């Protein structure tokens, strides 16, 4: 797959995650809707993180001529989603909540902010 194809797959999964994640933060926790959309959110976050691992860094220094600083958020996601799922299955709602908030703000808000840096596609699109 080309970089552009991967980028569009990434955008197609991460944009709904922004919407769903925002909704999940705002609605009552533990409800049927929260659980169903939470599962969708987690699956889509894993997909978007895995897709980004195949996208070489376009801005800044690269490790192994591929990975950039922003890939750290992909690894954060790949670690956080399963551990947050395990936490809630064990009944540890506090750990689940902490991990999911970290995921939302780290992998969506902060990483999303980095996508608006000069030289990136969204920067070119919006500015």
N, C-alpha and C. Protein backbone atom coordinates (compact mmCIF):
# COMPACT_ATOMS: atom_id res chain seq x y z
N UNK A 1 0.84 -1.19 0.00
CA UNK A 1 0.00 0.00 0.00
C UNK A 1 0.88 1.25 0.00
N UNK A 2 0.38 2.26 -0.62
CA UNK A 2 1.12 3.52 -0.66
C UNK A 2 0.90 4.29 0.64
N UNK A 3 1.75 5.27 0.87
CA UNK A 3 1.61 6.12 2.05
C UNK A 3 0.24 6.81 2.06
N UNK A 4 -0.18 7.32 0.90
CA UNK A 4 -1.48 8.01 0.83
C UNK A 4 -2.63 7.08 1.17
N UNK A 5 -2.59 5.84 0.70
CA UNK A 5 -3.65 4.89 1.03
C UNK A 5 -3.70 4.64 2.54
N UNK A 6 -2.53 4.44 3.13
CA UNK A 6 -2.47 4.22 4.57
C UNK A 6 -2.96 5.45 5.33
N UNK A 7 -2.61 6.63 4.84
CA UNK A 7 -3.04 7.87 5.48
C UNK A 7 -4.57 7.98 5.47
N UNK A 8 -5.19 7.64 4.35
CA UNK A 8 -6.65 7.74 4.27
C UNK A 8 -7.33 6.69 5.16
N UNK A 9 -6.74 5.50 5.27
CA UNK A 9 -7.27 4.49 6.19
C UNK A 9 -7.15 5.00 7.62
N UNK A 10 -6.00 5.57 7.92
CA UNK A 10 -5.78 6.13 9.25
C UNK A 10 -6.80 7.23 9.55
N UNK A 11 -7.01 8.14 8.64
CA UNK A 11 -7.99 9.21 8.86
C UNK A 11 -9.41 8.64 8.99
N UNK A 12 -9.72 7.60 8.22
CA UNK A 12 -11.06 7.00 8.26
C UNK A 12 -11.33 6.30 9.59
N UNK A 13 -10.27 5.93 10.30
CA UNK A 13 -10.48 5.29 11.61
C UNK A 13 -10.30 6.27 12.76
N UNK A 14 -9.38 7.21 12.64
CA UNK A 14 -9.11 8.10 13.77
C UNK A 14 -10.15 9.22 13.90
N UNK A 15 -10.71 9.69 12.81
CA UNK A 15 -11.73 10.76 12.92
C UNK A 15 -12.96 10.25 13.67
N UNK A 16 -13.49 9.06 13.33
CA UNK A 16 -14.60 8.55 14.15
C UNK A 16 -14.19 8.32 15.61
N UNK A 17 -12.92 7.94 15.84
CA UNK A 17 -12.45 7.76 17.22
C UNK A 17 -12.50 9.07 17.99
N UNK A 18 -12.18 10.16 17.34
CA UNK A 18 -12.26 11.46 18.01
C UNK A 18 -13.71 11.73 18.44
N UNK A 19 -14.64 11.47 17.54
CA UNK A 19 -16.06 11.71 17.83
C UNK A 19 -16.56 10.76 18.91
N UNK A 20 -16.28 9.47 18.75
CA UNK A 20 -16.74 8.47 19.72
C UNK A 20 -16.07 8.70 21.07
N UNK A 21 -14.76 8.96 21.06
CA UNK A 21 -14.05 9.19 22.32
C UNK A 21 -14.59 10.38 23.07
N UNK A 22 -14.90 11.45 22.36
CA UNK A 22 -15.48 12.64 23.00
C UNK A 22 -16.83 12.29 23.61
N UNK A 23 -17.64 11.54 22.86
CA UNK A 23 -18.95 11.12 23.36
C UNK A 23 -18.79 10.26 24.62
N UNK A 24 -17.83 9.33 24.59
CA UNK A 24 -17.64 8.43 25.73
C UNK A 24 -17.21 9.18 26.98
N UNK A 25 -16.43 10.23 26.81
CA UNK A 25 -16.02 11.03 27.97
C UNK A 25 -17.22 11.75 28.58
N UNK A 26 -18.16 12.14 27.73
CA UNK A 26 -19.28 12.96 28.19
C UNK A 26 -20.47 12.17 28.73
N UNK A 27 -20.67 10.94 28.26
CA UNK A 27 -21.87 10.20 28.68
C UNK A 27 -21.64 9.44 29.99
N UNK A 28 -22.73 8.94 30.55
CA UNK A 28 -22.68 8.15 31.78
C UNK A 28 -21.93 6.86 31.53
N UNK A 29 -21.06 6.51 32.45
CA UNK A 29 -20.21 5.33 32.30
C UNK A 29 -20.96 4.06 32.71
N UNK A 30 -20.60 2.95 32.08
CA UNK A 30 -21.17 1.65 32.44
C UNK A 30 -22.49 1.31 31.77
N UNK A 31 -23.03 2.24 31.00
CA UNK A 31 -24.31 1.97 30.33
C UNK A 31 -24.09 1.08 29.11
N UNK A 32 -25.17 0.57 28.58
CA UNK A 32 -25.11 -0.25 27.37
C UNK A 32 -24.43 0.51 26.23
N UNK A 33 -24.82 1.76 26.03
CA UNK A 33 -24.25 2.59 24.97
C UNK A 33 -22.75 2.79 25.20
N UNK A 34 -22.36 3.08 26.44
CA UNK A 34 -20.95 3.27 26.75
C UNK A 34 -20.15 2.01 26.43
N UNK A 35 -20.67 0.87 26.80
CA UNK A 35 -19.96 -0.39 26.55
C UNK A 35 -19.85 -0.70 25.06
N UNK A 36 -20.93 -0.53 24.33
CA UNK A 36 -20.91 -0.84 22.89
C UNK A 36 -20.00 0.11 22.12
N UNK A 37 -20.15 1.39 22.36
CA UNK A 37 -19.30 2.36 21.66
C UNK A 37 -17.85 2.26 22.16
N UNK A 38 -17.67 1.89 23.42
CA UNK A 38 -16.32 1.70 23.96
C UNK A 38 -15.59 0.58 23.23
N UNK A 39 -16.27 -0.51 22.94
CA UNK A 39 -15.66 -1.61 22.19
C UNK A 39 -15.30 -1.17 20.77
N UNK A 40 -16.21 -0.45 20.14
CA UNK A 40 -15.95 0.06 18.79
C UNK A 40 -14.73 0.99 18.82
N UNK A 41 -14.70 1.86 19.80
CA UNK A 41 -13.60 2.82 19.96
C UNK A 41 -12.27 2.08 20.12
N UNK A 42 -12.25 1.10 20.99
CA UNK A 42 -11.00 0.35 21.23
C UNK A 42 -10.52 -0.37 19.97
N UNK A 43 -11.42 -1.01 19.27
CA UNK A 43 -11.04 -1.73 18.05
C UNK A 43 -10.52 -0.75 17.00
N UNK A 44 -11.22 0.35 16.82
CA UNK A 44 -10.79 1.33 15.82
C UNK A 44 -9.47 1.99 16.21
N UNK A 45 -9.24 2.21 17.50
CA UNK A 45 -7.96 2.78 17.93
C UNK A 45 -6.82 1.81 17.65
N UNK A 46 -7.05 0.52 17.88
CA UNK A 46 -6.01 -0.46 17.56
C UNK A 46 -5.73 -0.50 16.07
N UNK A 47 -6.78 -0.47 15.26
CA UNK A 47 -6.60 -0.47 13.80
C UNK A 47 -5.81 0.75 13.37
N UNK A 48 -6.19 1.92 13.86
CA UNK A 48 -5.51 3.14 13.44
C UNK A 48 -4.05 3.14 13.89
N UNK A 49 -3.78 2.60 15.09
CA UNK A 49 -2.39 2.53 15.56
C UNK A 49 -1.57 1.56 14.71
N UNK A 50 -2.14 0.43 14.39
CA UNK A 50 -1.42 -0.55 13.57
C UNK A 50 -1.13 0.00 12.17
N UNK A 51 -2.09 0.70 11.60
CA UNK A 51 -1.90 1.30 10.27
C UNK A 51 -0.74 2.29 10.30
N UNK A 52 -0.68 3.09 11.35
CA UNK A 52 0.37 4.12 11.40
C UNK A 52 1.78 3.52 11.48
N UNK A 53 1.89 2.32 12.00
CA UNK A 53 3.21 1.69 12.08
C UNK A 53 3.81 1.41 10.70
N UNK A 54 2.95 1.33 9.70
CA UNK A 54 3.43 1.10 8.33
C UNK A 54 3.69 2.40 7.57
N UNK A 55 3.39 3.53 8.21
CA UNK A 55 3.58 4.83 7.59
C UNK A 55 4.91 5.42 8.07
N UNK A 56 5.86 5.61 7.17
CA UNK A 56 7.13 6.19 7.61
C UNK A 56 6.94 7.65 8.04
N UNK A 57 7.73 8.05 9.03
CA UNK A 57 7.67 9.43 9.51
C UNK A 57 8.01 10.38 8.37
N UNK A 58 7.26 11.43 8.24
CA UNK A 58 7.45 12.41 7.18
C UNK A 58 8.13 13.68 7.68
N UNK A 59 8.13 13.87 9.00
CA UNK A 59 8.67 15.09 9.60
C UNK A 59 9.61 14.71 10.74
N UNK A 60 10.74 15.37 10.83
CA UNK A 60 11.65 15.18 11.94
C UNK A 60 12.57 13.98 11.78
N UNK A 61 13.34 13.70 12.84
CA UNK A 61 14.30 12.59 12.78
C UNK A 61 13.58 11.25 12.73
N UNK A 62 14.27 10.25 12.16
CA UNK A 62 13.68 8.92 12.05
C UNK A 62 14.61 7.86 12.62
N UNK A 63 14.04 6.90 13.29
CA UNK A 63 14.75 5.74 13.80
C UNK A 63 14.56 4.61 12.79
N UNK A 64 15.64 3.94 12.42
CA UNK A 64 15.61 2.87 11.43
C UNK A 64 15.05 3.36 10.09
N UNK A 65 15.25 4.64 9.84
CA UNK A 65 14.77 5.30 8.61
C UNK A 65 13.26 5.12 8.42
N UNK A 66 12.52 5.00 9.51
CA UNK A 66 11.07 4.80 9.39
C UNK A 66 10.30 5.49 10.54
N UNK A 67 10.61 5.14 11.78
CA UNK A 67 9.82 5.59 12.92
C UNK A 67 10.22 6.98 13.38
N UNK A 68 9.20 7.81 13.61
CA UNK A 68 9.41 9.15 14.15
C UNK A 68 8.84 9.24 15.55
N UNK A 69 8.95 10.43 16.13
CA UNK A 69 8.43 10.63 17.49
C UNK A 69 6.94 10.32 17.58
N UNK A 70 6.20 10.65 16.55
CA UNK A 70 4.74 10.46 16.59
C UNK A 70 4.36 8.98 16.68
N UNK A 71 5.26 8.08 16.25
CA UNK A 71 4.97 6.65 16.36
C UNK A 71 4.88 6.21 17.82
N UNK A 72 5.44 7.01 18.72
CA UNK A 72 5.32 6.70 20.15
C UNK A 72 3.87 6.61 20.58
N UNK A 73 3.00 7.42 19.96
CA UNK A 73 1.58 7.37 20.27
C UNK A 73 0.95 6.07 19.77
N UNK A 74 1.47 5.53 18.68
CA UNK A 74 0.98 4.25 18.18
C UNK A 74 1.28 3.15 19.18
N UNK A 75 2.51 3.16 19.69
CA UNK A 75 2.90 2.15 20.68
C UNK A 75 2.14 2.35 22.00
N UNK A 76 1.89 3.59 22.36
CA UNK A 76 1.07 3.88 23.53
C UNK A 76 -0.32 3.25 23.37
N UNK A 77 -0.89 3.40 22.21
CA UNK A 77 -2.22 2.86 21.93
C UNK A 77 -2.22 1.34 21.98
N UNK A 78 -1.24 0.74 21.34
CA UNK A 78 -1.17 -0.73 21.29
C UNK A 78 -1.00 -1.32 22.69
N UNK A 79 -0.37 -0.59 23.59
CA UNK A 79 -0.23 -1.04 24.97
C UNK A 79 -1.49 -0.72 25.79
N UNK A 80 -2.01 0.49 25.64
CA UNK A 80 -3.08 0.97 26.51
C UNK A 80 -4.41 0.29 26.26
N UNK A 81 -4.78 0.06 25.01
CA UNK A 81 -6.10 -0.53 24.73
C UNK A 81 -6.27 -1.88 25.42
N UNK A 82 -5.36 -2.84 25.22
CA UNK A 82 -5.57 -4.14 25.89
C UNK A 82 -5.52 -4.04 27.42
N UNK A 83 -4.63 -3.20 27.95
CA UNK A 83 -4.54 -3.10 29.41
C UNK A 83 -5.78 -2.42 30.00
N UNK A 84 -6.36 -1.48 29.28
CA UNK A 84 -7.60 -0.85 29.74
C UNK A 84 -8.76 -1.85 29.67
N UNK A 85 -8.78 -2.67 28.65
CA UNK A 85 -9.82 -3.71 28.51
C UNK A 85 -9.70 -4.72 29.66
N UNK A 86 -8.48 -5.17 29.92
CA UNK A 86 -8.26 -6.12 31.01
C UNK A 86 -8.66 -5.51 32.35
N UNK A 87 -8.34 -4.24 32.55
CA UNK A 87 -8.68 -3.57 33.80
C UNK A 87 -10.19 -3.58 34.04
N UNK A 88 -10.97 -3.24 33.01
CA UNK A 88 -12.43 -3.18 33.22
C UNK A 88 -13.00 -4.58 33.39
N UNK A 89 -12.42 -5.57 32.71
CA UNK A 89 -12.89 -6.95 32.86
C UNK A 89 -12.62 -7.47 34.27
N UNK A 90 -11.55 -6.97 34.90
CA UNK A 90 -11.22 -7.34 36.28
C UNK A 90 -12.00 -6.52 37.30
N UNK A 91 -12.78 -5.55 36.82
CA UNK A 91 -13.57 -4.71 37.71
C UNK A 91 -12.84 -3.50 38.23
N UNK A 92 -11.69 -3.20 37.66
CA UNK A 92 -10.91 -2.04 38.10
C UNK A 92 -11.27 -0.83 37.23
N UNK A 93 -12.41 -0.25 37.56
CA UNK A 93 -12.92 0.88 36.76
C UNK A 93 -12.00 2.09 36.86
N UNK A 94 -11.33 2.26 37.99
CA UNK A 94 -10.44 3.41 38.17
C UNK A 94 -9.25 3.32 37.20
N UNK A 95 -8.62 2.16 37.11
CA UNK A 95 -7.49 1.98 36.19
C UNK A 95 -7.97 2.09 34.74
N UNK A 96 -9.12 1.53 34.45
CA UNK A 96 -9.69 1.61 33.09
C UNK A 96 -9.89 3.07 32.70
N UNK A 97 -10.50 3.83 33.58
CA UNK A 97 -10.78 5.25 33.30
C UNK A 97 -9.48 6.02 33.07
N UNK A 98 -8.49 5.80 33.94
CA UNK A 98 -7.21 6.49 33.82
C UNK A 98 -6.54 6.19 32.48
N UNK A 99 -6.55 4.93 32.08
CA UNK A 99 -5.93 4.51 30.83
C UNK A 99 -6.67 5.08 29.62
N UNK A 100 -7.98 5.09 29.68
CA UNK A 100 -8.76 5.57 28.55
C UNK A 100 -8.63 7.09 28.39
N UNK A 101 -8.54 7.80 29.50
CA UNK A 101 -8.32 9.25 29.42
C UNK A 101 -6.93 9.52 28.86
N UNK A 102 -5.93 8.78 29.33
CA UNK A 102 -4.57 8.90 28.79
C UNK A 102 -4.57 8.63 27.28
N UNK A 103 -5.27 7.60 26.87
CA UNK A 103 -5.34 7.25 25.44
C UNK A 103 -5.99 8.37 24.64
N UNK A 104 -7.11 8.87 25.09
CA UNK A 104 -7.83 9.91 24.36
C UNK A 104 -6.98 11.17 24.22
N UNK A 105 -6.43 11.65 25.33
CA UNK A 105 -5.68 12.89 25.26
C UNK A 105 -4.30 12.71 24.63
N UNK A 106 -3.68 11.57 24.88
CA UNK A 106 -2.36 11.33 24.29
C UNK A 106 -2.42 11.00 22.81
N UNK A 107 -3.20 9.98 22.48
CA UNK A 107 -3.19 9.47 21.11
C UNK A 107 -4.12 10.23 20.16
N UNK A 108 -5.08 10.94 20.68
CA UNK A 108 -5.98 11.68 19.78
C UNK A 108 -5.73 13.19 19.85
N UNK A 109 -5.78 13.76 21.03
CA UNK A 109 -5.66 15.21 21.14
C UNK A 109 -4.22 15.66 20.88
N UNK A 110 -3.24 15.10 21.60
CA UNK A 110 -1.85 15.54 21.43
C UNK A 110 -1.31 15.11 20.07
N UNK A 111 -1.46 13.83 19.73
CA UNK A 111 -0.97 13.35 18.43
C UNK A 111 -1.69 14.08 17.30
N UNK A 112 -2.99 14.31 17.47
CA UNK A 112 -3.75 15.05 16.46
C UNK A 112 -3.22 16.46 16.29
N UNK A 113 -2.79 17.07 17.38
CA UNK A 113 -2.18 18.40 17.31
C UNK A 113 -0.90 18.38 16.50
N UNK A 114 -0.11 17.31 16.66
CA UNK A 114 1.14 17.19 15.89
C UNK A 114 0.87 17.05 14.39
N UNK A 115 -0.29 16.53 14.02
CA UNK A 115 -0.58 16.37 12.59
C UNK A 115 -0.81 17.72 11.92
N UNK A 116 -0.94 18.75 12.72
CA UNK A 116 -1.11 20.09 12.14
C UNK A 116 0.21 20.83 12.00
N UNK A 117 1.33 20.11 12.19
CA UNK A 117 2.66 20.72 12.05
C UNK A 117 2.98 20.93 10.57
N UNK A 118 3.75 21.96 10.26
CA UNK A 118 4.16 22.19 8.86
C UNK A 118 4.83 20.95 8.26
N UNK A 119 4.49 20.68 7.02
CA UNK A 119 5.04 19.52 6.31
C UNK A 119 4.12 18.31 6.35
N UNK A 120 3.08 18.35 7.19
CA UNK A 120 2.16 17.23 7.28
C UNK A 120 0.93 17.50 6.41
N UNK A 121 0.24 16.44 6.04
CA UNK A 121 -0.90 16.51 5.13
C UNK A 121 -1.99 17.45 5.66
N UNK A 122 -2.38 17.28 6.93
CA UNK A 122 -3.47 18.11 7.46
C UNK A 122 -3.07 19.57 7.54
N UNK A 123 -1.81 19.86 7.79
CA UNK A 123 -1.35 21.24 7.77
C UNK A 123 -1.58 21.83 6.38
N UNK A 124 -1.14 21.08 5.36
CA UNK A 124 -1.31 21.53 3.97
C UNK A 124 -2.78 21.68 3.61
N UNK A 125 -3.63 20.77 4.12
CA UNK A 125 -5.05 20.80 3.83
C UNK A 125 -5.74 22.02 4.45
N UNK A 126 -5.41 22.32 5.70
CA UNK A 126 -6.08 23.40 6.42
C UNK A 126 -5.43 24.76 6.27
N UNK A 127 -4.11 24.80 6.03
CA UNK A 127 -3.42 26.09 5.98
C UNK A 127 -2.79 26.32 4.63
